[in-house]
Amino acid sequence: QVQLVESGGGLVQAGGSLRLSCAASGSALTINLMGWYRQDPGKGRDLVASITRGGSTDYADSVKGRFTISRDNAKNTVYLQMNSLKAEDTAVYYCKADIATNWYYWGQGTQVTVSS
């Protein structure tokens, strides 16, 4: 069992920055892929960015050049640096940790609100 605790969400003006953190704990399992997803009310959960254990990254087109994902394997923590935030970035952001195919865990979510 893996517990994911997210932090760093909040209210920011358009053009501002926020840094999200997600710390994994509770298991000696190796976390292969870590990622951030976001969800608007009434919609599905969409990938924002992901990072492999080796550091390979993937980003949604809408955040490329503005968001940066990173991770500290020793601390089992993944970060999302969000710059040049826009109103359309407003959503609940969820951390996801993949152990293997179809074996993953979700965090509880953290609200990000960007005022225009």
Protein backbone atom coordinates (compact mmCIF):
# COMPACT_ATOMS: atom_id res chain seq x y z
CA GLN A 1 0.00 0.00 0.00
CA VAL A 2 1.25 3.47 -0.93
CA GLN A 3 -0.04 6.73 0.50
CA LEU A 4 0.33 9.90 -1.53
CA VAL A 5 0.11 13.28 0.16
CA GLU A 6 -0.12 16.36 -2.05
CA SER A 7 0.58 19.94 -1.04
CA GLY A 8 1.15 23.33 -2.59
CA GLY A 9 -2.19 24.13 -4.15
CA GLY A 10 -3.96 27.42 -3.62
CA LEU A 11 -5.17 30.64 -5.16
CA VAL A 12 -2.91 32.62 -7.48
CA GLN A 13 -3.37 35.40 -9.99
CA ALA A 14 -2.96 34.76 -13.69
CA GLY A 15 0.70 34.90 -14.64
CA GLY A 16 1.79 33.69 -11.22
CA SER A 17 3.45 30.48 -10.10
CA LEU A 18 2.78 27.57 -7.79
CA ARG A 19 4.76 24.47 -6.88
CA LEU A 20 2.96 21.25 -6.09
CA SER A 21 4.56 18.42 -4.13
CA CYS A 22 3.50 14.82 -3.73
CA ALA A 23 5.20 12.59 -1.19
CA ALA A 24 4.76 8.83 -1.29
CA SER A 25 5.06 6.72 1.83
CA GLY A 26 3.98 3.48 3.45
CA SER A 27 5.63 0.87 1.31
CA ALA A 28 8.96 -0.42 0.08
CA LEU A 29 7.51 -0.82 -3.39
CA THR A 30 9.41 0.77 -6.25
CA ILE A 31 7.43 3.53 -7.89
CA ASN A 32 8.15 3.52 -11.59
CA LEU A 33 6.07 6.32 -13.07
CA MET A 34 4.82 9.37 -11.20
CA GLY A 35 2.51 11.93 -12.66
CA TRP A 36 0.16 14.81 -12.17
CA TYR A 37 -3.38 14.85 -13.50
CA ARG A 38 -6.07 17.48 -13.26
CA GLN A 39 -9.82 17.35 -13.25
CA ASP A 40 -12.51 19.95 -13.83
CA PRO A 41 -15.94 19.43 -12.25
CA GLY A 42 -17.98 17.03 -14.33
CA LYS A 43 -15.05 16.04 -16.53
CA GLY A 44 -12.51 13.28 -16.63
CA ARG A 45 -9.04 13.32 -15.17
CA ASP A 46 -6.43 14.44 -17.72
CA LEU A 47 -2.68 13.96 -17.71
CA VAL A 48 -0.69 17.12 -17.03
CA ALA A 49 2.81 15.68 -16.80
CA SER A 50 4.57 12.45 -15.93
CA ILE A 51 8.10 11.36 -15.13
CA THR A 52 9.75 7.96 -15.10
CA ARG A 53 12.11 6.76 -12.43
CA GLY A 54 14.95 7.50 -14.84
CA GLY A 55 13.79 11.06 -15.42
CA SER A 56 12.05 10.88 -18.79
CA THR A 57 9.18 13.33 -18.92
CA ASP A 58 5.95 13.81 -20.81
CA TYR A 59 3.70 16.87 -20.86
CA ALA A 60 0.27 17.81 -22.07
CA ASP A 61 0.53 20.24 -24.97
CA SER A 62 -1.35 22.88 -23.01
CA VAL A 63 1.36 23.11 -20.33
CA LYS A 64 4.54 22.64 -22.34
CA GLY A 65 7.00 25.45 -21.70
CA ARG A 66 5.14 26.55 -18.56
CA PHE A 67 5.16 23.52 -16.24
CA THR A 68 8.10 21.41 -15.14
CA ILE A 69 7.85 18.03 -13.46
CA SER A 70 10.69 16.62 -11.39
CA ARG A 71 11.18 13.92 -8.80
CA ASP A 72 13.46 12.93 -5.96
CA ASN A 73 13.66 9.15 -5.93
CA ALA A 74 15.38 9.07 -2.55
CA LYS A 75 12.45 10.95 -1.03
CA ASN A 76 9.78 9.29 -3.22
CA THR A 77 8.53 12.76 -4.01
CA VAL A 78 7.37 14.33 -7.25
CA TYR A 79 7.06 18.05 -7.89
CA LEU A 80 5.21 20.18 -10.40
CA GLN A 81 6.49 23.70 -10.92
CA MET A 82 3.75 25.71 -12.59
CA ASN A 83 4.65 29.08 -14.10
CA SER A 84 2.72 31.58 -16.20
CA LEU A 85 -0.52 30.19 -14.83
CA LYS A 86 -3.72 30.80 -16.73
CA ALA A 87 -7.36 30.76 -15.66
CA GLU A 88 -7.83 27.54 -17.63
CA ASP A 89 -5.28 25.81 -15.38
CA THR A 90 -7.84 25.98 -12.58
CA ALA A 91 -8.67 22.43 -11.50
CA VAL A 92 -8.13 19.83 -8.82
CA TYR A 93 -4.67 18.37 -9.32
CA TYR A 94 -4.04 14.72 -8.47
CA CYS A 95 -0.79 12.86 -8.03
CA LYS A 96 -0.54 9.32 -9.37
CA ALA A 97 2.09 6.69 -8.62
CA ASP A 98 2.43 3.67 -10.88
CA ILE A 99 3.98 0.50 -9.50
CA ALA A 100 3.23 -1.66 -12.54
CA THR A 101 0.61 -2.02 -15.25
CA ASN A 102 -2.84 -1.57 -13.66
CA TRP A 103 -1.26 -1.18 -10.21
CA TYR A 104 -1.31 2.42 -9.17
CA TYR A 105 -2.33 4.82 -6.43
CA TRP A 106 -3.91 8.26 -6.39
CA GLY A 107 -3.47 11.14 -4.02
CA GLN A 108 -6.41 12.96 -2.49
CA GLY A 109 -6.11 15.99 -4.79
CA THR A 110 -5.23 19.61 -4.25
CA GLN A 111 -7.16 22.60 -5.58
CA VAL A 112 -5.44 25.10 -7.85
CA THR A 113 -7.39 28.25 -8.61
CA VAL A 114 -6.06 30.88 -11.00
CA SER A 115 -7.88 34.20 -10.97
CA SER A 116 -7.93 36.28 -14.12
